[in-house]
PDB file of N, CA and C in Angstrom:
ATOM      1  N   UNK A   1      85.469 -16.826 -10.303  1.00  0.00           N
ATOM      2  CA  UNK A   1      85.113 -15.652  -9.520  1.00  0.00           C
ATOM      3  C   UNK A   1      84.622 -16.122  -8.161  1.00  0.00           C
ATOM      4  N   UNK A   2      85.185 -15.555  -7.147  1.00  0.00           N
ATOM      5  CA  UNK A   2      84.786 -15.892  -5.788  1.00  0.00           C
ATOM      6  C   UNK A   2      83.618 -15.006  -5.385  1.00  0.00           C
ATOM      7  N   UNK A   3      82.630 -15.587  -4.735  1.00  0.00           N
ATOM      8  CA  UNK A   3      81.450 -14.832  -4.325  1.00  0.00           C
ATOM      9  C   UNK A   3      81.409 -14.747  -2.815  1.00  0.00           C
ATOM     10  N   UNK A   4      80.907 -13.634  -2.325  1.00  0.00           N
ATOM     11  CA  UNK A   4      80.731 -13.440  -0.895  1.00  0.00           C
ATOM     12  C   UNK A   4      79.247 -13.401  -0.613  1.00  0.00           C
ATOM     13  N   UNK A   5      78.881 -13.724   0.588  1.00  0.00           N
ATOM     14  CA  UNK A   5      77.481 -13.660   0.976  1.00  0.00           C
ATOM     15  C   UNK A   5      77.276 -14.373   2.288  1.00  0.00           C
ATOM     16  N   UNK A   6      76.188 -14.069   2.900  1.00  0.00           N
ATOM     17  CA  UNK A   6      75.836 -14.692   4.164  1.00  0.00           C
ATOM     18  C   UNK A   6      74.959 -15.896   3.869  1.00  0.00           C
ATOM     19  N   UNK A   7      75.373 -17.066   4.288  1.00  0.00           N
ATOM     20  CA  UNK A   7      74.630 -18.285   3.969  1.00  0.00           C
ATOM     21  C   UNK A   7      73.223 -18.270   4.535  1.00  0.00           C
ATOM     22  N   UNK A   8      72.974 -17.429   5.534  1.00  0.00           N
ATOM     23  CA  UNK A   8      71.627 -17.320   6.093  1.00  0.00           C
ATOM     24  C   UNK A   8      70.644 -16.909   5.000  1.00  0.00           C
ATOM     25  N   UNK A   9      71.066 -16.046   4.099  1.00  0.00           N
ATOM     26  CA  UNK A   9      70.187 -15.498   3.068  1.00  0.00           C
ATOM     27  C   UNK A   9      70.376 -16.152   1.698  1.00  0.00           C
ATOM     28  N   UNK A  10      71.242 -17.133   1.604  1.00  0.00           N
ATOM     29  CA  UNK A  10      71.584 -17.719   0.322  1.00  0.00           C
ATOM     30  C   UNK A  10      70.515 -18.696  -0.175  1.00  0.00           C
ATOM     31  N   UNK A  11      70.178 -18.565  -1.441  1.00  0.00           N
ATOM     32  CA  UNK A  11      69.200 -19.448  -2.074  1.00  0.00           C
ATOM     33  C   UNK A  11      69.780 -20.856  -2.218  1.00  0.00           C
ATOM     34  N   UNK A  12      68.902 -21.867  -2.235  1.00  0.00           N
ATOM     35  CA  UNK A  12      69.377 -23.253  -2.340  1.00  0.00           C
ATOM     36  C   UNK A  12      70.247 -23.503  -3.569  1.00  0.00           C
ATOM     37  N   UNK A  13      69.877 -22.912  -4.710  1.00  0.00           N
ATOM     38  CA  UNK A  13      70.639 -23.163  -5.937  1.00  0.00           C
ATOM     39  C   UNK A  13      72.017 -22.515  -5.900  1.00  0.00           C
ATOM     40  N   UNK A  14      72.168 -21.469  -5.130  1.00  0.00           N
ATOM     41  CA  UNK A  14      73.484 -20.840  -4.977  1.00  0.00           C
ATOM     42  C   UNK A  14      74.375 -21.748  -4.144  1.00  0.00           C
ATOM     43  N   UNK A  15      73.820 -22.278  -3.071  1.00  0.00           N
ATOM     44  CA  UNK A  15      74.589 -23.180  -2.201  1.00  0.00           C
ATOM     45  C   UNK A  15      74.953 -24.477  -2.923  1.00  0.00           C
ATOM     46  N   UNK A  16      73.999 -25.037  -3.658  1.00  0.00           N
ATOM     47  CA  UNK A  16      74.204 -26.350  -4.277  1.00  0.00           C
ATOM     48  C   UNK A  16      75.039 -26.291  -5.554  1.00  0.00           C
ATOM     49  N   UNK A  17      74.782 -25.268  -6.381  1.00  0.00           N
ATOM     50  CA  UNK A  17      75.405 -25.258  -7.707  1.00  0.00           C
ATOM     51  C   UNK A  17      76.120 -23.954  -8.050  1.00  0.00           C
ATOM     52  N   UNK A  18      76.139 -23.008  -7.133  1.00  0.00           N
ATOM     53  CA  UNK A  18      76.753 -21.718  -7.421  1.00  0.00           C
ATOM     54  C   UNK A  18      75.979 -20.917  -8.444  1.00  0.00           C
ATOM     55  N   UNK A  19      74.703 -21.274  -8.628  1.00  0.00           N
ATOM     56  CA  UNK A  19      73.848 -20.654  -9.641  1.00  0.00           C
ATOM     57  C   UNK A  19      73.174 -19.413  -9.057  1.00  0.00           C
ATOM     58  N   UNK A  20      73.693 -18.236  -9.408  1.00  0.00           N
ATOM     59  CA  UNK A  20      73.109 -17.002  -8.885  1.00  0.00           C
ATOM     60  C   UNK A  20      72.361 -16.279  -9.995  1.00  0.00           C
ATOM     61  N   UNK A  21      71.553 -15.331  -9.606  1.00  0.00           N
ATOM     62  CA  UNK A  21      70.771 -14.567 -10.569  1.00  0.00           C
ATOM     63  C   UNK A  21      69.612 -13.895  -9.869  1.00  0.00           C
ATOM     64  N   UNK A  22      68.705 -13.358 -10.657  1.00  0.00           N
ATOM     65  CA  UNK A  22      67.564 -12.631 -10.108  1.00  0.00           C
ATOM     66  C   UNK A  22      66.718 -13.508  -9.198  1.00  0.00           C
ATOM     67  N   UNK A  23      66.483 -14.752  -9.583  1.00  0.00           N
ATOM     68  CA  UNK A  23      65.662 -15.648  -8.758  1.00  0.00           C
ATOM     69  C   UNK A  23      66.304 -15.871  -7.389  1.00  0.00           C
ATOM     70  N   UNK A  24      67.615 -15.957  -7.346  1.00  0.00           N
ATOM     71  CA  UNK A  24      68.316 -16.116  -6.066  1.00  0.00           C
ATOM     72  C   UNK A  24      68.174 -14.854  -5.221  1.00  0.00           C
ATOM     73  N   UNK A  25      68.195 -13.702  -5.871  1.00  0.00           N
ATOM     74  CA  UNK A  25      67.991 -12.439  -5.153  1.00  0.00           C
ATOM     75  C   UNK A  25      66.580 -12.361  -4.578  1.00  0.00           C
ATOM     76  N   UNK A  26      65.602 -12.843  -5.336  1.00  0.00           N
ATOM     77  CA  UNK A  26      64.208 -12.861  -4.865  1.00  0.00           C
ATOM     78  C   UNK A  26      64.101 -13.759  -3.640  1.00  0.00           C
ATOM     79  N   UNK A  27      64.785 -14.904  -3.670  1.00  0.00           N
ATOM     80  CA  UNK A  27      64.779 -15.813  -2.515  1.00  0.00           C
ATOM     81  C   UNK A  27      65.332 -15.097  -1.281  1.00  0.00           C
ATOM     82  N   UNK A  28      66.460 -14.442  -1.449  1.00  0.00           N
ATOM     83  CA  UNK A  28      67.088 -13.721  -0.334  1.00  0.00           C
ATOM     84  C   UNK A  28      66.174 -12.622   0.197  1.00  0.00           C
ATOM     85  N   UNK A  29      65.519 -11.908  -0.704  1.00  0.00           N
ATOM     86  CA  UNK A  29      64.588 -10.865  -0.287  1.00  0.00           C
ATOM     87  C   UNK A  29      63.420 -11.462   0.501  1.00  0.00           C
ATOM     88  N   UNK A  30      62.960 -12.640   0.094  1.00  0.00           N
ATOM     89  CA  UNK A  30      61.895 -13.317   0.841  1.00  0.00           C
ATOM     90  C   UNK A  30      62.319 -13.615   2.268  1.00  0.00           C
ATOM     91  N   UNK A  31      63.547 -14.067   2.437  1.00  0.00           N
ATOM     92  CA  UNK A  31      64.061 -14.324   3.788  1.00  0.00           C
ATOM     93  C   UNK A  31      64.167 -13.035   4.598  1.00  0.00           C
ATOM     94  N   UNK A  32      64.616 -11.973   3.958  1.00  0.00           N
ATOM     95  CA  UNK A  32      64.723 -10.684   4.647  1.00  0.00           C
ATOM     96  C   UNK A  32      63.339 -10.197   5.066  1.00  0.00           C
ATOM     97  N   UNK A  33      62.346 -10.354   4.186  1.00  0.00           N
ATOM     98  CA  UNK A  33      60.980  -9.956   4.527  1.00  0.00           C
ATOM     99  C   UNK A  33      60.443 -10.786   5.683  1.00  0.00           C
ATOM    100  N   UNK A  34      60.714 -12.086   5.662  1.00  0.00           N
ATOM    101  CA  UNK A  34      60.295 -12.964   6.754  1.00  0.00           C
ATOM    102  C   UNK A  34      60.918 -12.505   8.065  1.00  0.00           C
ATOM    103  N   UNK A  35      62.188 -12.216   8.011  1.00  0.00           N
ATOM    104  CA  UNK A  35      62.931 -11.792   9.193  1.00  0.00           C
ATOM    105  C   UNK A  35      62.409 -10.451   9.727  1.00  0.00           C
ATOM    106  N   UNK A  36      62.216  -9.500   8.839  1.00  0.00           N
ATOM    107  CA  UNK A  36      61.812  -8.154   9.257  1.00  0.00           C
ATOM    108  C   UNK A  36      60.343  -8.087   9.670  1.00  0.00           C
ATOM    109  N   UNK A  37      59.465  -8.687   8.888  1.00  0.00           N
ATOM    110  CA  UNK A  37      58.030  -8.594   9.165  1.00  0.00           C
ATOM    111  C   UNK A  37      57.627  -9.387  10.400  1.00  0.00           C
ATOM    112  N   UNK A  38      58.325 -10.478  10.642  1.00  0.00           N
ATOM    113  CA  UNK A  38      57.938 -11.336  11.756  1.00  0.00           C
ATOM    114  C   UNK A  38      58.875 -11.322  12.929  1.00  0.00           C
ATOM    115  N   UNK A  39      59.884 -10.444  12.862  1.00  0.00           N
ATOM    116  CA  UNK A  39      60.886 -10.411  13.928  1.00  0.00           C
ATOM    117  C   UNK A  39      61.452 -11.814  14.168  1.00  0.00           C
ATOM    118  N   UNK A  40      61.712 -12.503  13.063  1.00  0.00           N
ATOM    119  CA  UNK A  40      62.201 -13.881  13.082  1.00  0.00           C
ATOM    120  C   UNK A  40      63.724 -13.868  13.053  1.00  0.00           C
ATOM    121  N   UNK A  41      64.325 -14.673  13.888  1.00  0.00           N
ATOM    122  CA  UNK A  41      65.775 -14.868  13.834  1.00  0.00           C
ATOM    123  C   UNK A  41      66.015 -16.077  12.935  1.00  0.00           C
ATOM    124  N   UNK A  42      66.620 -15.826  11.795  1.00  0.00           N
ATOM    125  CA  UNK A  42      66.842 -16.897  10.826  1.00  0.00           C
ATOM    126  C   UNK A  42      67.965 -17.818  11.284  1.00  0.00           C
ATOM    127  N   UNK A  43      67.780 -19.124  11.102  1.00  0.00           N
ATOM    128  CA  UNK A  43      68.847 -20.061  11.463  1.00  0.00           C
ATOM    129  C   UNK A  43      69.997 -19.969  10.469  1.00  0.00           C
ATOM    130  N   UNK A  44      71.226 -20.181  10.959  1.00  0.00           N
ATOM    131  CA  UNK A  44      72.369 -20.146  10.047  1.00  0.00           C
ATOM    132  C   UNK A  44      72.904 -21.533   9.732  1.00  0.00           C
ATOM    133  N   UNK A  45      72.274 -22.548  10.296  1.00  0.00           N
ATOM    134  CA  UNK A  45      72.628 -23.934   9.969  1.00  0.00           C
ATOM    135  C   UNK A  45      71.615 -24.871  10.618  1.00  0.00           C
ATOM    136  N   UNK A  46      71.842 -26.162  10.478  1.00  0.00           N
ATOM    137  CA  UNK A  46      71.009 -27.156  11.132  1.00  0.00           C
ATOM    138  C   UNK A  46      69.708 -27.471  10.410  1.00  0.00           C
ATOM    139  N   UNK A  47      68.871 -28.240  11.091  1.00  0.00           N
ATOM    140  CA  UNK A  47      67.620 -28.725  10.500  1.00  0.00           C
ATOM    141  C   UNK A  47      66.693 -27.578  10.101  1.00  0.00           C
ATOM    142  N   UNK A  48      66.556 -26.575  10.955  1.00  0.00           N
ATOM    143  CA  UNK A  48      65.665 -25.449  10.643  1.00  0.00           C
ATOM    144  C   UNK A  48      66.133 -24.709   9.388  1.00  0.00           C
ATOM    145  N   UNK A  49      67.444 -24.575   9.211  1.00  0.00           N
ATOM    146  CA  UNK A  49      68.007 -23.926   8.021  1.00  0.00           C
ATOM    147  C   UNK A  49      67.640 -24.718   6.768  1.00  0.00           C
ATOM    148  N   UNK A  50      67.786 -26.050   6.853  1.00  0.00           N
ATOM    149  CA  UNK A  50      67.465 -26.911   5.711  1.00  0.00           C
ATOM    150  C   UNK A  50      65.968 -26.902   5.411  1.00  0.00           C
ATOM    151  N   UNK A  51      65.141 -26.857   6.443  1.00  0.00           N
ATOM    152  CA  UNK A  51      63.691 -26.818   6.232  1.00  0.00           C
ATOM    153  C   UNK A  51      63.289 -25.590   5.419  1.00  0.00           C
ATOM    154  N   UNK A  52      63.831 -24.428   5.767  1.00  0.00           N
ATOM    155  CA  UNK A  52      63.483 -23.206   5.044  1.00  0.00           C
ATOM    156  C   UNK A  52      63.854 -23.303   3.571  1.00  0.00           C
ATOM    157  N   UNK A  53      64.873 -24.050   3.239  1.00  0.00           N
ATOM    158  CA  UNK A  53      65.297 -24.209   1.857  1.00  0.00           C
ATOM    159  C   UNK A  53      64.585 -25.354   1.152  1.00  0.00           C
ATOM    160  N   UNK A  54      63.646 -25.978   1.860  1.00  0.00           N
ATOM    161  CA  UNK A  54      62.871 -27.095   1.304  1.00  0.00           C
ATOM    162  C   UNK A  54      61.375 -26.810   1.362  1.00  0.00           C
ATOM    163  N   UNK A  55      61.011 -25.540   1.308  1.00  0.00           N
ATOM    164  CA  UNK A  55      59.604 -25.115   1.323  1.00  0.00           C
ATOM    165  C   UNK A  55      58.873 -25.475   2.608  1.00  0.00           C
ATOM    166  N   UNK A  56      59.587 -25.626   3.693  1.00  0.00           N
ATOM    167  CA  UNK A  56      58.990 -25.997   4.980  1.00  0.00           C
ATOM    168  C   UNK A  56      59.183 -24.850   5.974  1.00  0.00           C
ATOM    169  N   UNK A  57      58.100 -24.142   6.256  1.00  0.00           N
ATOM    170  CA  UNK A  57      58.156 -23.027   7.207  1.00  0.00           C
ATOM    171  C   UNK A  57      57.524 -23.408   8.544  1.00  0.00           C
ATOM    172  N   UNK A  58      57.420 -24.694   8.813  1.00  0.00           N
ATOM    173  CA  UNK A  58      56.727 -25.159  10.021  1.00  0.00           C
ATOM    174  C   UNK A  58      57.401 -24.710  11.319  1.00  0.00           C
ATOM    175  N   UNK A  59      58.669 -24.362  11.277  1.00  0.00           N
ATOM    176  CA  UNK A  59      59.365 -23.902  12.485  1.00  0.00           C
ATOM    177  C   UNK A  59      59.204 -22.395  12.718  1.00  0.00           C
ATOM    178  N   UNK A  60      58.519 -21.723  11.803  1.00  0.00           N
ATOM    179  CA  UNK A  60      58.358 -20.269  11.892  1.00  0.00           C
ATOM    180  C   UNK A  60      56.900 -19.946  12.214  1.00  0.00           C
ATOM    181  N   UNK A  61      56.683 -19.094  13.203  1.00  0.00           N
ATOM    182  CA  UNK A  61      55.331 -18.668  13.563  1.00  0.00           C
ATOM    183  C   UNK A  61      54.888 -17.578  12.596  1.00  0.00           C
ATOM    184  N   UNK A  62      53.970 -17.922  11.719  1.00  0.00           N
ATOM    185  CA  UNK A  62      53.470 -16.980  10.722  1.00  0.00           C
ATOM    186  C   UNK A  62      52.078 -16.462  11.080  1.00  0.00           C
ATOM    187  N   UNK A  63      51.621 -16.730  12.282  1.00  0.00           N
ATOM    188  CA  UNK A  63      50.248 -16.395  12.670  1.00  0.00           C
ATOM    189  C   UNK A  63      49.961 -14.891  12.670  1.00  0.00           C
ATOM    190  N   UNK A  64      50.957 -14.066  12.852  1.00  0.00           N
ATOM    191  CA  UNK A  64      50.744 -12.611  12.866  1.00  0.00           C
ATOM    192  C   UNK A  64      50.756 -12.012  11.458  1.00  0.00           C
ATOM    193  N   UNK A  65      51.096 -12.817  10.454  1.00  0.00           N
ATOM    194  CA  UNK A  65      51.189 -12.346   9.077  1.00  0.00           C
ATOM    195  C   UNK A  65      49.824 -12.462   8.401  1.00  0.00           C
ATOM    196  N   UNK A  66      49.540 -11.564   7.473  1.00  0.00           N
ATOM    197  CA  UNK A  66      48.326 -11.710   6.670  1.00  0.00           C
ATOM    198  C   UNK A  66      48.508 -12.910   5.744  1.00  0.00           C
ATOM    199  N   UNK A  67      47.396 -13.495   5.330  1.00  0.00           N
ATOM    200  CA  UNK A  67      47.447 -14.629   4.410  1.00  0.00           C
ATOM    201  C   UNK A  67      48.167 -14.221   3.126  1.00  0.00           C
ATOM    202  N   UNK A  68      47.896 -13.021   2.670  1.00  0.00           N
ATOM    203  CA  UNK A  68      48.513 -12.512   1.449  1.00  0.00           C
ATOM    204  C   UNK A  68      50.035 -12.413   1.583  1.00  0.00           C
ATOM    205  N   UNK A  69      50.499 -11.920   2.723  1.00  0.00           N
ATOM    206  CA  UNK A  69      51.943 -11.799   2.943  1.00  0.00           C
ATOM    207  C   UNK A  69      52.595 -13.175   3.057  1.00  0.00           C
ATOM    208  N   UNK A  70      51.935 -14.107   3.725  1.00  0.00           N
ATOM    209  CA  UNK A  70      52.472 -15.472   3.834  1.00  0.00           C
ATOM    210  C   UNK A  70      52.632 -16.079   2.448  1.00  0.00           C
ATOM    211  N   UNK A  71      51.618 -15.929   1.614  1.00  0.00           N
ATOM    212  CA  UNK A  71      51.691 -16.482   0.249  1.00  0.00           C
ATOM    213  C   UNK A  71      52.848 -15.867  -0.534  1.00  0.00           C
ATOM    214  N   UNK A  72      52.991 -14.553  -0.418  1.00  0.00           N
ATOM    215  CA  UNK A  72      54.062 -13.868  -1.145  1.00  0.00           C
ATOM    216  C   UNK A  72      55.433 -14.331  -0.669  1.00  0.00           C
ATOM    217  N   UNK A  73      55.645 -14.350   0.621  1.00  0.00           N
ATOM    218  CA  UNK A  73      56.948 -14.756   1.156  1.00  0.00           C
ATOM    219  C   UNK A  73      57.249 -16.206   0.800  1.00  0.00           C
ATOM    220  N   UNK A  74      56.258 -17.088   0.927  1.00  0.00           N
ATOM    221  CA  UNK A  74      56.481 -18.494   0.568  1.00  0.00           C
ATOM    222  C   UNK A  74      56.808 -18.636  -0.914  1.00  0.00           C
ATOM    223  N   UNK A  75      56.133 -17.860  -1.759  1.00  0.00           N
ATOM    224  CA  UNK A  75      56.431 -17.907  -3.196  1.00  0.00           C
ATOM    225  C   UNK A  75      57.853 -17.426  -3.462  1.00  0.00           C
ATOM    226  N   UNK A  76      58.254 -16.370  -2.776  1.00  0.00           N
ATOM    227  CA  UNK A  76      59.605 -15.838  -2.955  1.00  0.00           C
ATOM    228  C   UNK A  76      60.663 -16.827  -2.480  1.00  0.00           C
ATOM    229  N   UNK A  77      60.308 -17.651  -1.491  1.00  0.00           N
ATOM    230  CA  UNK A  77      61.250 -18.617  -0.929  1.00  0.00           C
ATOM    231  C   UNK A  77      61.073 -20.024  -1.499  1.00  0.00           C
ATOM    232  N   UNK A  78      60.393 -20.149  -2.621  1.00  0.00           N
ATOM    233  CA  UNK A  78      60.207 -21.465  -3.236  1.00  0.00           C
ATOM    234  C   UNK A  78      61.569 -22.091  -3.528  1.00  0.00           C
ATOM    235  N   UNK A  79      61.699 -23.381  -3.229  1.00  0.00           N
ATOM    236  CA  UNK A  79      62.980 -24.055  -3.467  1.00  0.00           C
ATOM    237  C   UNK A  79      63.310 -24.133  -4.958  1.00  0.00           C
ATOM    238  N   UNK A  80      62.281 -24.144  -5.800  1.00  0.00           N
ATOM    239  CA  UNK A  80      62.467 -24.160  -7.251  1.00  0.00           C
ATOM    240  C   UNK A  80      62.498 -22.712  -7.750  1.00  0.00           C
ATOM    241  N   UNK A  81      63.633 -22.247  -8.250  1.00  0.00           N
ATOM    242  CA  UNK A  81      63.743 -20.857  -8.697  1.00  0.00           C
ATOM    243  C   UNK A  81      62.701 -20.471  -9.747  1.00  0.00           C
ATOM    244  N   UNK A  82      62.277 -21.417 -10.563  1.00  0.00           N
ATOM    245  CA  UNK A  82      61.295 -21.134 -11.617  1.00  0.00           C
ATOM    246  C   UNK A  82      59.919 -20.794 -11.045  1.00  0.00           C
ATOM    247  N   UNK A  83      59.659 -21.180  -9.816  1.00  0.00           N
ATOM    248  CA  UNK A  83      58.361 -20.910  -9.181  1.00  0.00           C
ATOM    249  C   UNK A  83      58.324 -19.569  -8.453  1.00  0.00           C
ATOM    250  N   UNK A  84      59.447 -18.900  -8.332  1.00  0.00           N
ATOM    251  CA  UNK A  84      59.493 -17.628  -7.615  1.00  0.00           C
ATOM    252  C   UNK A  84      58.940 -16.497  -8.482  1.00  0.00           C
ATOM    253  N   UNK A  85      58.274 -15.531  -7.847  1.00  0.00           N
ATOM    254  CA  UNK A  85      57.756 -14.399  -8.620  1.00  0.00           C
ATOM    255  C   UNK A  85      58.892 -13.493  -9.097  1.00  0.00           C
ATOM    256  N   UNK A  86      58.589 -12.730 -10.120  1.00  0.00           N
ATOM    257  CA  UNK A  86      59.554 -11.733 -10.601  1.00  0.00           C
ATOM    258  C   UNK A  86      59.468 -10.495  -9.713  1.00  0.00           C
ATOM    259  N   UNK A  87      60.436  -9.614  -9.846  1.00  0.00           N
ATOM    260  CA  UNK A  87      60.406  -8.355  -9.096  1.00  0.00           C
ATOM    261  C   UNK A  87      59.160  -7.552  -9.469  1.00  0.00           C
ATOM    262  N   UNK A  88      58.798  -7.574 -10.734  1.00  0.00           N
ATOM    263  CA  UNK A  88      57.605  -6.857 -11.196  1.00  0.00           C
ATOM    264  C   UNK A  88      56.353  -7.417 -10.524  1.00  0.00           C
ATOM    265  N   UNK A  89      56.252  -8.739 -10.417  1.00  0.00           N
ATOM    266  CA  UNK A  89      55.100  -9.359  -9.756  1.00  0.00           C
ATOM    267  C   UNK A  89      55.065  -9.003  -8.271  1.00  0.00           C
ATOM    268  N   UNK A  90      56.221  -8.947  -7.645  1.00  0.00           N
ATOM    269  CA  UNK A  90      56.280  -8.592  -6.219  1.00  0.00           C
ATOM    270  C   UNK A  90      55.812  -7.154  -6.022  1.00  0.00           C
ATOM    271  N   UNK A  91      56.270  -6.251  -6.866  1.00  0.00           N
ATOM    272  CA  UNK A  91      55.879  -4.842  -6.754  1.00  0.00           C
ATOM    273  C   UNK A  91      54.391  -4.636  -7.018  1.00  0.00           C
ATOM    274  N   UNK A  92      53.794  -5.501  -7.827  1.00  0.00           N
ATOM    275  CA  UNK A  92      52.365  -5.400  -8.130  1.00  0.00           C
ATOM    276  C   UNK A  92      51.501  -6.058  -7.054  1.00  0.00           C
ATOM    277  N   UNK A  93      52.124  -6.746  -6.117  1.00  0.00           N
ATOM    278  CA  UNK A  93      51.380  -7.455  -5.071  1.00  0.00           C
ATOM    279  C   UNK A  93      50.668  -6.445  -4.179  1.00  0.00           C
ATOM    280  N   UNK A  94      49.400  -6.744  -3.835  1.00  0.00           N
ATOM    281  CA  UNK A  94      48.638  -5.788  -2.998  1.00  0.00           C
ATOM    282  C   UNK A  94      49.197  -5.613  -1.602  1.00  0.00           C
TER     283      UNK A  94
END
């Protein structure tokens, strides 16, 4: 089965192993939240793209975000799918 998607929002495990699922969707949602909440233009390749997929947000200015939102987005974008929150946990977030 061929899959379509924008690599900007693709989770690391989808790119590396074609492994999709709820955790990959949570990762993508984390990127969308980062983009929308911070007016961030996400990289579509290069070092900055790889950093975001390696738990490194050092190239992104998160200073306008609440500590709580930063924690949530970082958890959603964890490189290890097992560390990402569930949709239920995200909805319960304050």
